[in-house]
Amino acid sequence: MSVSQERLLQVLLAPQISEKATAVAEKNEQVIFRVASDATKPEIKAAVELLFKVQVESVQVLNVKGKTKRFGRTTGQRKGWKKAFVCLKPGQEINFVEGGAA
């Protein structure tokens, strides 16, 4: 199954950087991304390999439900989104911190 390069560039939205994501990255050699809600595992794998020039071992996907928030009397719902845990092959690494001035 071949996917167009334009589609692959739209699959990954942002890296998910949090305390939990950092702990997971160090423990399991995984990187967490926020991805398009209609993205599939093969698309996510191909996109990460294309953009970061690394080899991906596996991809796990999770749907995050949007939180319910109140604005005065009315309640609203934030949008749900999709999270991808990308497991890299041993020795591979993606570093988001380098290049950013502290």
PDB file of N, CA and C in Angstrom:
ATOM      1  N   MET A   1       0.847  -1.193   0.000  1.00  0.00           N
ATOM      2  CA  MET A   1       0.000   0.000   0.000  1.00  0.00           C
ATOM      3  C   MET A   1       0.881   1.240   0.000  1.00  0.00           C
ATOM      4  N   SER A   2       0.775   2.017  -1.050  1.00  0.00           N
ATOM      5  CA  SER A   2       1.583   3.231  -1.143  1.00  0.00           C
ATOM      6  C   SER A   2       0.725   4.455  -0.813  1.00  0.00           C
ATOM      7  N   VAL A   3       1.250   5.292   0.052  1.00  0.00           N
ATOM      8  CA  VAL A   3       0.523   6.489   0.466  1.00  0.00           C
ATOM      9  C   VAL A   3       1.272   7.694  -0.086  1.00  0.00           C
ATOM     10  N   SER A   4       0.537   8.706  -0.543  1.00  0.00           N
ATOM     11  CA  SER A   4       1.200   9.878  -1.118  1.00  0.00           C
ATOM     12  C   SER A   4       2.013  10.613  -0.063  1.00  0.00           C
ATOM     13  N   GLN A   5       3.084  11.256  -0.520  1.00  0.00           N
ATOM     14  CA  GLN A   5       3.985  11.957   0.400  1.00  0.00           C
ATOM     15  C   GLN A   5       3.276  13.136   1.048  1.00  0.00           C
ATOM     16  N   GLU A   6       2.352  13.776   0.328  1.00  0.00           N
ATOM     17  CA  GLU A   6       1.600  14.911   0.896  1.00  0.00           C
ATOM     18  C   GLU A   6       0.760  14.454   2.080  1.00  0.00           C
ATOM     19  N   ARG A   7       0.154  13.276   1.963  1.00  0.00           N
ATOM     20  CA  ARG A   7      -0.652  12.722   3.058  1.00  0.00           C
ATOM     21  C   ARG A   7       0.237  12.452   4.274  1.00  0.00           C
ATOM     22  N   LEU A   8       1.421  11.881   4.048  1.00  0.00           N
ATOM     23  CA  LEU A   8       2.320  11.558   5.156  1.00  0.00           C
ATOM     24  C   LEU A   8       2.758  12.812   5.905  1.00  0.00           C
ATOM     25  N   LEU A   9       2.903  13.921   5.193  1.00  0.00           N
ATOM     26  CA  LEU A   9       3.321  15.160   5.840  1.00  0.00           C
ATOM     27  C   LEU A   9       2.207  15.747   6.702  1.00  0.00           C
ATOM     28  N   GLN A  10       0.955  15.310   6.474  1.00  0.00           N
ATOM     29  CA  GLN A  10      -0.174  15.821   7.254  1.00  0.00           C
ATOM     30  C   GLN A  10      -0.551  14.907   8.423  1.00  0.00           C
ATOM     31  N   VAL A  11       0.042  13.720   8.480  1.00  0.00           N
ATOM     32  CA  VAL A  11      -0.327  12.745   9.513  1.00  0.00           C
ATOM     33  C   VAL A  11       0.138  13.181  10.895  1.00  0.00           C
ATOM     34  N   LEU A  12       1.427  13.534  11.038  1.00  0.00           N
ATOM     35  CA  LEU A  12       1.964  13.936  12.343  1.00  0.00           C
ATOM     36  C   LEU A  12       1.657  15.405  12.588  1.00  0.00           C
ATOM     37  N   LEU A  13       1.034  15.704  13.733  1.00  0.00           N
ATOM     38  CA  LEU A  13       0.694  17.089  14.043  1.00  0.00           C
ATOM     39  C   LEU A  13       1.736  17.725  14.954  1.00  0.00           C
ATOM     40  N   ALA A  14       2.130  17.020  16.021  1.00  0.00           N
ATOM     41  CA  ALA A  14       3.107  17.590  16.959  1.00  0.00           C
ATOM     42  C   ALA A  14       3.634  16.493  17.870  1.00  0.00           C
ATOM     43  N   PRO A  15       4.864  16.660  18.370  1.00  0.00           N
ATOM     44  CA  PRO A  15       5.314  15.727  19.396  1.00  0.00           C
ATOM     45  C   PRO A  15       4.595  16.041  20.703  1.00  0.00           C
ATOM     46  N   GLN A  16       4.274  15.020  21.471  1.00  0.00           N
ATOM     47  CA  GLN A  16       3.598  15.218  22.749  1.00  0.00           C
ATOM     48  C   GLN A  16       4.672  15.230  23.824  1.00  0.00           C
ATOM     49  N   ILE A  17       4.971  16.407  24.369  1.00  0.00           N
ATOM     50  CA  ILE A  17       6.043  16.509  25.360  1.00  0.00           C
ATOM     51  C   ILE A  17       5.424  16.808  26.718  1.00  0.00           C
ATOM     52  N   SER A  18       5.537  15.834  27.620  1.00  0.00           N
ATOM     53  CA  SER A  18       5.029  15.973  28.980  1.00  0.00           C
ATOM     54  C   SER A  18       5.913  15.120  29.879  1.00  0.00           C
ATOM     55  N   GLU A  19       5.671  15.176  31.178  1.00  0.00           N
ATOM     56  CA  GLU A  19       6.470  14.357  32.094  1.00  0.00           C
ATOM     57  C   GLU A  19       6.278  12.876  31.790  1.00  0.00           C
ATOM     58  N   LYS A  20       5.024  12.496  31.542  1.00  0.00           N
ATOM     59  CA  LYS A  20       4.732  11.094  31.256  1.00  0.00           C
ATOM     60  C   LYS A  20       5.398  10.671  29.949  1.00  0.00           C
ATOM     61  N   ALA A  21       5.315  11.525  28.928  1.00  0.00           N
ATOM     62  CA  ALA A  21       5.916  11.204  27.631  1.00  0.00           C
ATOM     63  C   ALA A  21       7.425  11.054  27.747  1.00  0.00           C
ATOM     64  N   THR A  22       8.058  11.905  28.551  1.00  0.00           N
ATOM     65  CA  THR A  22       9.505  11.841  28.742  1.00  0.00           C
ATOM     66  C   THR A  22       9.888  10.548  29.460  1.00  0.00           C
ATOM     67  N   ALA A  23       9.120  10.173  30.475  1.00  0.00           N
ATOM     68  CA  ALA A  23       9.391   8.938  31.217  1.00  0.00           C
ATOM     69  C   ALA A  23       9.250   7.722  30.309  1.00  0.00           C
ATOM     70  N   VAL A  24       8.212   7.709  29.488  1.00  0.00           N
ATOM     71  CA  VAL A  24       7.975   6.600  28.558  1.00  0.00           C
ATOM     72  C   VAL A  24       9.111   6.530  27.537  1.00  0.00           C
ATOM     73  N   ALA A  25       9.536   7.692  27.050  1.00  0.00           N
ATOM     74  CA  ALA A  25      10.594   7.744  26.044  1.00  0.00           C
ATOM     75  C   ALA A  25      11.888   7.146  26.588  1.00  0.00           C
ATOM     76  N   GLU A  26      12.213   7.462  27.839  1.00  0.00           N
ATOM     77  CA  GLU A  26      13.451   6.958  28.425  1.00  0.00           C
ATOM     78  C   GLU A  26      13.355   5.460  28.736  1.00  0.00           C
ATOM     79  N   LYS A  27      12.204   5.023  29.227  1.00  0.00           N
ATOM     80  CA  LYS A  27      12.056   3.636  29.665  1.00  0.00           C
ATOM     81  C   LYS A  27      11.915   2.670  28.486  1.00  0.00           C
ATOM     82  N   ASN A  28      11.066   3.003  27.517  1.00  0.00           N
ATOM     83  CA  ASN A  28      10.708   2.055  26.458  1.00  0.00           C
ATOM     84  C   ASN A  28      11.260   2.392  25.081  1.00  0.00           C
ATOM     85  N   GLU A  29      12.066   3.437  24.966  1.00  0.00           N
ATOM     86  CA  GLU A  29      12.545   3.916  23.664  1.00  0.00           C
ATOM     87  C   GLU A  29      11.375   4.181  22.727  1.00  0.00           C
ATOM     88  N   GLN A  30      10.373   4.897  23.256  1.00  0.00           N
ATOM     89  CA  GLN A  30       9.213   5.283  22.451  1.00  0.00           C
ATOM     90  C   GLN A  30       9.149   6.795  22.364  1.00  0.00           C
ATOM     91  N   VAL A  31       8.519   7.282  21.292  1.00  0.00           N
ATOM     92  CA  VAL A  31       8.284   8.708  21.127  1.00  0.00           C
ATOM     93  C   VAL A  31       6.790   8.874  20.949  1.00  0.00           C
ATOM     94  N   ILE A  32       6.220   9.925  21.562  1.00  0.00           N
ATOM     95  CA  ILE A  32       4.774  10.113  21.503  1.00  0.00           C
ATOM     96  C   ILE A  32       4.445  11.302  20.600  1.00  0.00           C
ATOM     97  N   PHE A  33       3.512  11.084  19.675  1.00  0.00           N
ATOM     98  CA  PHE A  33       3.091  12.130  18.750  1.00  0.00           C
ATOM     99  C   PHE A  33       1.594  12.345  18.831  1.00  0.00           C
ATOM    100  N   ARG A  34       1.169  13.578  18.589  1.00  0.00           N
ATOM    101  CA  ARG A  34      -0.228  13.885  18.345  1.00  0.00           C
ATOM    102  C   ARG A  34      -0.416  13.698  16.845  1.00  0.00           C
ATOM    103  N   VAL A  35      -1.387  12.883  16.436  1.00  0.00           N
ATOM    104  CA  VAL A  35      -1.546  12.574  15.011  1.00  0.00           C
ATOM    105  C   VAL A  35      -2.956  12.905  14.535  1.00  0.00           C
ATOM    106  N   ALA A  36      -3.124  12.939  13.224  1.00  0.00           N
ATOM    107  CA  ALA A  36      -4.439  13.194  12.628  1.00  0.00           C
ATOM    108  C   ALA A  36      -5.403  12.106  13.085  1.00  0.00           C
ATOM    109  N   SER A  37      -6.652  12.474  13.336  1.00  0.00           N
ATOM    110  CA  SER A  37      -7.604  11.522  13.924  1.00  0.00           C
ATOM    111  C   SER A  37      -7.985  10.389  12.976  1.00  0.00           C
ATOM    112  N   ASP A  38      -7.707  10.539  11.679  1.00  0.00           N
ATOM    113  CA  ASP A  38      -8.016   9.455  10.737  1.00  0.00           C
ATOM    114  C   ASP A  38      -6.759   8.707  10.292  1.00  0.00           C
ATOM    115  N   ALA A  39      -5.627   8.939  10.985  1.00  0.00           N
ATOM    116  CA  ALA A  39      -4.363   8.302  10.616  1.00  0.00           C
ATOM    117  C   ALA A  39      -4.356   6.833  11.018  1.00  0.00           C
ATOM    118  N   THR A  40      -3.732   6.005  10.189  1.00  0.00           N
ATOM    119  CA  THR A  40      -3.613   4.583  10.482  1.00  0.00           C
ATOM    120  C   THR A  40      -2.186   4.271  10.939  1.00  0.00           C
ATOM    121  N   LYS A  41      -2.006   3.100  11.543  1.00  0.00           N
ATOM    122  CA  LYS A  41      -0.668   2.717  12.027  1.00  0.00           C
ATOM    123  C   LYS A  41       0.378   2.703  10.905  1.00  0.00           C
ATOM    124  N   PRO A  42       0.082   2.092   9.731  1.00  0.00           N
ATOM    125  CA  PRO A  42       1.092   2.106   8.657  1.00  0.00           C
ATOM    126  C   PRO A  42       1.437   3.527   8.192  1.00  0.00           C
ATOM    127  N   GLU A  43       0.437   4.407   8.154  1.00  0.00           N
ATOM    128  CA  GLU A  43       0.692   5.801   7.759  1.00  0.00           C
ATOM    129  C   GLU A  43       1.598   6.496   8.772  1.00  0.00           C
ATOM    130  N   ILE A  44       1.330   6.278  10.064  1.00  0.00           N
ATOM    131  CA  ILE A  44       2.134   6.905  11.117  1.00  0.00           C
ATOM    132  C   ILE A  44       3.574   6.396  11.030  1.00  0.00           C
ATOM    133  N   LYS A  45       3.743   5.094  10.847  1.00  0.00           N
ATOM    134  CA  LYS A  45       5.079   4.506  10.729  1.00  0.00           C
ATOM    135  C   LYS A  45       5.824   5.116   9.544  1.00  0.00           C
ATOM    136  N   ALA A  46       5.173   5.192   8.393  1.00  0.00           N
ATOM    137  CA  ALA A  46       5.808   5.728   7.189  1.00  0.00           C
ATOM    138  C   ALA A  46       6.159   7.204   7.361  1.00  0.00           C
ATOM    139  N   ALA A  47       5.277   7.953   8.021  1.00  0.00           N
ATOM    140  CA  ALA A  47       5.504   9.391   8.218  1.00  0.00           C
ATOM    141  C   ALA A  47       6.705   9.643   9.123  1.00  0.00           C
ATOM    142  N   VAL A  48       6.812   8.884  10.222  1.00  0.00           N
ATOM    143  CA  VAL A  48       7.937   9.058  11.147  1.00  0.00           C
ATOM    144  C   VAL A  48       9.245   8.682  10.452  1.00  0.00           C
ATOM    145  N   GLU A  49       9.233   7.576   9.686  1.00  0.00           N
ATOM    146  CA  GLU A  49      10.445   7.155   8.983  1.00  0.00           C
ATOM    147  C   GLU A  49      10.857   8.177   7.932  1.00  0.00           C
ATOM    148  N   LEU A  50       9.874   8.778   7.252  1.00  0.00           N
ATOM    149  CA  LEU A  50      10.164   9.777   6.223  1.00  0.00           C
ATOM    150  C   LEU A  50      10.711  11.068   6.822  1.00  0.00           C
ATOM    151  N   LEU A  51      10.066  11.570   7.867  1.00  0.00           N
ATOM    152  CA  LEU A  51      10.431  12.880   8.412  1.00  0.00           C
ATOM    153  C   LEU A  51      11.696  12.860   9.260  1.00  0.00           C
ATOM    154  N   PHE A  52      11.903  11.788  10.037  1.00  0.00           N
ATOM    155  CA  PHE A  52      13.015  11.792  10.987  1.00  0.00           C
ATOM    156  C   PHE A  52      14.150  10.859  10.602  1.00  0.00           C
ATOM    157  N   LYS A  53      14.016  10.144   9.466  1.00  0.00           N
ATOM    158  CA  LYS A  53      15.065   9.243   8.971  1.00  0.00           C
ATOM    159  C   LYS A  53      15.488   8.230  10.041  1.00  0.00           C
ATOM    160  N   VAL A  54      14.494   7.626  10.692  1.00  0.00           N
ATOM    161  CA  VAL A  54      14.752   6.584  11.691  1.00  0.00           C
ATOM    162  C   VAL A  54      13.953   5.335  11.309  1.00  0.00           C
ATOM    163  N   GLN A  55      14.280   4.201  11.938  1.00  0.00           N
ATOM    164  CA  GLN A  55      13.538   2.971  11.682  1.00  0.00           C
ATOM    165  C   GLN A  55      12.562   2.730  12.824  1.00  0.00           C
ATOM    166  N   VAL A  56      11.310   2.467  12.485  1.00  0.00           N
ATOM    167  CA  VAL A  56      10.255   2.270  13.478  1.00  0.00           C
ATOM    168  C   VAL A  56       9.997   0.780  13.640  1.00  0.00           C
ATOM    169  N   GLU A  57       9.940   0.340  14.899  1.00  0.00           N
ATOM    170  CA  GLU A  57       9.662  -1.068  15.168  1.00  0.00           C
ATOM    171  C   GLU A  57       8.158  -1.315  15.223  1.00  0.00           C
ATOM    172  N   SER A  58       7.427  -0.487  16.000  1.00  0.00           N
ATOM    173  CA  SER A  58       5.982  -0.679  16.121  1.00  0.00           C
ATOM    174  C   SER A  58       5.301   0.630  16.468  1.00  0.00           C
ATOM    175  N   VAL A  59       3.987   0.657  16.269  1.00  0.00           N
ATOM    176  CA  VAL A  59       3.187   1.840  16.576  1.00  0.00           C
ATOM    177  C   VAL A  59       1.965   1.397  17.374  1.00  0.00           C
ATOM    178  N   GLN A  60       1.711   2.093  18.488  1.00  0.00           N
ATOM    179  CA  GLN A  60       0.484   1.868  19.253  1.00  0.00           C
ATOM    180  C   GLN A  60      -0.308   3.167  19.216  1.00  0.00           C
ATOM    181  N   VAL A  61      -1.624   3.055  19.057  1.00  0.00           N
ATOM    182  CA  VAL A  61      -2.460   4.236  18.886  1.00  0.00           C
ATOM    183  C   VAL A  61      -3.511   4.296  19.988  1.00  0.00           C
ATOM    184  N   LEU A  62      -3.821   5.528  20.408  1.00  0.00           N
ATOM    185  CA  LEU A  62      -4.750   5.742  21.507  1.00  0.00           C
ATOM    186  C   LEU A  62      -5.647   6.923  21.159  1.00  0.00           C
ATOM    187  N   ASN A  63      -6.945   6.779  21.344  1.00  0.00           N
ATOM    188  CA  ASN A  63      -7.847   7.908  21.159  1.00  0.00           C
ATOM    189  C   ASN A  63      -8.043   8.602  22.495  1.00  0.00           C
ATOM    190  N   VAL A  64      -7.763   9.900  22.545  1.00  0.00           N
ATOM    191  CA  VAL A  64      -7.918  10.675  23.770  1.00  0.00           C
ATOM    192  C   VAL A  64      -9.255  11.406  23.678  1.00  0.00           C
ATOM    193  N   LYS A  65     -10.118  11.188  24.665  1.00  0.00           N
ATOM    194  CA  LYS A  65     -11.430  11.842  24.657  1.00  0.00           C
ATOM    195  C   LYS A  65     -11.286  13.290  25.106  1.00  0.00           C
ATOM    196  N   GLY A  66     -12.048  14.177  24.493  1.00  0.00           N
ATOM    197  CA  GLY A  66     -12.016  15.596  24.871  1.00  0.00           C
ATOM    198  C   GLY A  66     -12.662  15.801  26.230  1.00  0.00           C
ATOM    199  N   LYS A  67     -12.126  16.749  26.992  1.00  0.00           N
ATOM    200  CA  LYS A  67     -12.666  17.019  28.328  1.00  0.00           C
ATOM    201  C   LYS A  67     -13.965  17.805  28.231  1.00  0.00           C
ATOM    202  N   THR A  68     -14.845  17.592  29.192  1.00  0.00           N
ATOM    203  CA  THR A  68     -16.058  18.388  29.306  1.00  0.00           C
ATOM    204  C   THR A  68     -15.719  19.608  30.150  1.00  0.00           C
ATOM    205  N   LYS A  69     -16.046  20.776  29.621  1.00  0.00           N
ATOM    206  CA  LYS A  69     -15.745  22.025  30.323  1.00  0.00           C
ATOM    207  C   LYS A  69     -17.034  22.833  30.471  1.00  0.00           C
ATOM    208  N   ARG A  70     -17.101  23.619  31.549  1.00  0.00           N
ATOM    209  CA  ARG A  70     -18.284  24.463  31.760  1.00  0.00           C
ATOM    210  C   ARG A  70     -17.941  25.921  31.508  1.00  0.00           C
ATOM    211  N   PHE A  71     -18.868  26.605  30.865  1.00  0.00           N
ATOM    212  CA  PHE A  71     -18.761  28.052  30.663  1.00  0.00           C
ATOM    213  C   PHE A  71     -20.034  28.650  31.250  1.00  0.00           C
ATOM    214  N   GLY A  72     -19.959  29.048  32.531  1.00  0.00           N
ATOM    215  CA  GLY A  72     -21.181  29.521  33.187  1.00  0.00           C
ATOM    216  C   GLY A  72     -22.160  28.382  33.316  1.00  0.00           C
ATOM    217  N   ARG A  73     -23.365  28.581  32.754  1.00  0.00           N
ATOM    218  CA  ARG A  73     -24.382  27.529  32.833  1.00  0.00           C
ATOM    219  C   ARG A  73     -24.185  26.428  31.805  1.00  0.00           C
ATOM    220  N   THR A  74     -23.628  26.795  30.647  1.00  0.00           N
ATOM    221  CA  THR A  74     -23.560  25.828  29.558  1.00  0.00           C
ATOM    222  C   THR A  74     -22.323  24.944  29.679  1.00  0.00           C
ATOM    223  N   THR A  75     -22.486  23.708  29.251  1.00  0.00           N
ATOM    224  CA  THR A  75     -21.336  22.811  29.220  1.00  0.00           C
ATOM    225  C   THR A  75     -20.916  22.624  27.780  1.00  0.00           C
ATOM    226  N   GLY A  76     -19.626  22.504  27.589  1.00  0.00           N
ATOM    227  CA  GLY A  76     -19.087  22.281  26.252  1.00  0.00           C
ATOM    228  C   GLY A  76     -18.140  21.097  26.287  1.00  0.00           C
ATOM    229  N   GLN A  77     -17.762  20.635  25.114  1.00  0.00           N
ATOM    230  CA  GLN A  77     -16.866  19.490  25.008  1.00  0.00           C
ATOM    231  C   GLN A  77     -15.680  19.889  24.141  1.00  0.00           C
ATOM    232  N   ARG A  78     -14.476  19.663  24.661  1.00  0.00           N
ATOM    233  CA  ARG A  78     -13.286  19.876  23.837  1.00  0.00           C
ATOM    234  C   ARG A  78     -13.189  18.763  22.816  1.00  0.00           C
ATOM    235  N   LYS A  79     -12.463  19.008  21.747  1.00  0.00           N
ATOM    236  CA  LYS A  79     -12.297  18.004  20.706  1.00  0.00           C
ATOM    237  C   LYS A  79     -11.465  16.839  21.215  1.00  0.00           C
ATOM    238  N   GLY A  80     -11.830  15.635  20.778  1.00  0.00           N
ATOM    239  CA  GLY A  80     -10.995  14.474  21.046  1.00  0.00           C
ATOM    240  C   GLY A  80      -9.841  14.468  20.049  1.00  0.00           C
ATOM    241  N   TRP A  81      -8.778  13.729  20.371  1.00  0.00           N
ATOM    242  CA  TRP A  81      -7.632  13.647  19.457  1.00  0.00           C
ATOM    243  C   TRP A  81      -6.978  12.283  19.569  1.00  0.00           C
ATOM    244  N   LYS A  82      -6.047  12.027  18.683  1.00  0.00           N
ATOM    245  CA  LYS A  82      -5.403  10.721  18.616  1.00  0.00           C
ATOM    246  C   LYS A  82      -3.928  10.852  18.963  1.00  0.00           C
ATOM    247  N   LYS A  83      -3.445   9.905  19.767  1.00  0.00           N
ATOM    248  CA  LYS A  83      -2.058   9.902  20.225  1.00  0.00           C
ATOM    249  C   LYS A  83      -1.402   8.628  19.711  1.00  0.00           C
ATOM    250  N   ALA A  84      -0.154   8.733  19.255  1.00  0.00           N
ATOM    251  CA  ALA A  84       0.570   7.561  18.758  1.00  0.00           C
ATOM    252  C   ALA A  84       1.850   7.363  19.548  1.00  0.00           C
ATOM    253  N   PHE A  85       2.030   6.140  20.070  1.00  0.00           N
ATOM    254  CA  PHE A  85       3.270   5.762  20.736  1.00  0.00           C
ATOM    255  C   PHE A  85       4.110   5.025  19.697  1.00  0.00           C
ATOM    256  N   VAL A  86       5.208   5.645  19.261  1.00  0.00           N
ATOM    257  CA  VAL A  86       6.047   5.074  18.216  1.00  0.00           C
ATOM    258  C   VAL A  86       7.279   4.456  18.867  1.00  0.00           C
ATOM    259  N   CYS A  87       7.424   3.137  18.714  1.00  0.00           N
ATOM    260  CA  CYS A  87       8.570   2.420  19.280  1.00  0.00           C
ATOM    261  C   CYS A  87       9.656   2.340  18.213  1.00  0.00           C
ATOM    262  N   LEU A  88      10.830   2.888  18.538  1.00  0.00           N
ATOM    263  CA  LEU A  88      11.939   2.903  17.591  1.00  0.00           C
ATOM    264  C   LEU A  88      12.791   1.648  17.739  1.00  0.00           C
ATOM    265  N   LYS A  89      13.463   1.262  16.660  1.00  0.00           N
ATOM    266  CA  LYS A  89      14.365   0.107  16.735  1.00  0.00           C
ATOM    267  C   LYS A  89      15.550   0.471  17.621  1.00  0.00           C
ATOM    268  N   PRO A  90      16.170  -0.514  18.271  1.00  0.00           N
ATOM    269  CA  PRO A  90      17.288  -0.232  19.182  1.00  0.00           C
ATOM    270  C   PRO A  90      18.384   0.589  18.510  1.00  0.00           C
ATOM    271  N   GLY A  91      18.868   1.606  19.241  1.00  0.00           N
ATOM    272  CA  GLY A  91      19.927   2.460  18.717  1.00  0.00           C
ATOM    273  C   GLY A  91      19.414   3.691  17.989  1.00  0.00           C
ATOM    274  N   GLN A  92      18.121   3.724  17.678  1.00  0.00           N
ATOM    275  CA  GLN A  92      17.537   4.874  16.983  1.00  0.00           C
ATOM    276  C   GLN A  92      17.099   5.907  18.012  1.00  0.00           C
ATOM    277  N   GLU A  93      17.107   7.189  17.622  1.00  0.00           N
ATOM    278  CA  GLU A  93      16.729   8.236  18.562  1.00  0.00           C
ATOM    279  C   GLU A  93      16.201   9.447  17.812  1.00  0.00           C
ATOM    280  N   ILE A  94      15.172  10.086  18.381  1.00  0.00           N
ATOM    281  CA  ILE A  94      14.672  11.368  17.873  1.00  0.00           C
ATOM    282  C   ILE A  94      14.827  12.347  19.020  1.00  0.00           C
ATOM    283  N   ASN A  95      15.526  13.447  18.789  1.00  0.00           N
ATOM    284  CA  ASN A  95      15.736  14.428  19.850  1.00  0.00           C
ATOM    285  C   ASN A  95      15.081  15.740  19.453  1.00  0.00           C
ATOM    286  N   PHE A  96      14.040  16.130  20.194  1.00  0.00           N
ATOM    287  CA  PHE A  96      13.319  17.363  19.888  1.00  0.00           C
ATOM    288  C   PHE A  96      13.954  18.572  20.569  1.00  0.00           C
ATOM    289  N   VAL A  97      14.785  18.335  21.573  1.00  0.00           N
ATOM    290  CA  VAL A  97      15.322  19.428  22.389  1.00  0.00           C
ATOM    291  C   VAL A  97      16.460  20.142  21.663  1.00  0.00           C
ATOM    292  N   GLU A  98      17.292  19.396  20.938  1.00  0.00           N
ATOM    293  CA  GLU A  98      18.441  20.041  20.290  1.00  0.00           C
ATOM    294  C   GLU A  98      17.980  21.036  19.241  1.00  0.00           C
ATOM    295  N   GLY A  99      18.684  22.120  19.128  1.00  0.00           N
ATOM    296  CA  GLY A  99      18.315  23.157  18.165  1.00  0.00           C
ATOM    297  C   GLY A  99      17.469  24.245  18.777  1.00  0.00           C
ATOM    298  N   GLY A 100      16.848  23.978  19.908  1.00  0.00           N
ATOM    299  CA  GLY A 100      16.039  24.997  20.585  1.00  0.00           C
ATOM    300  C   GLY A 100      16.878  25.702  21.635  1.00  0.00           C
ATOM    301  N   ALA A 101      16.884  27.028  21.605  1.00  0.00           N
ATOM    302  CA  ALA A 101      17.659  27.767  22.587  1.00  0.00           C
ATOM    303  C   ALA A 101      16.930  27.767  23.930  1.00  0.00           C
ATOM    304  N   ALA A 102      17.651  27.442  24.995  1.00  0.00           N
ATOM    305  CA  ALA A 102      17.023  27.368  26.317  1.00  0.00           C
ATOM    306  C   ALA A 102      16.898  28.739  26.938  1.00  0.00           C
TER     307      ALA A 102
END
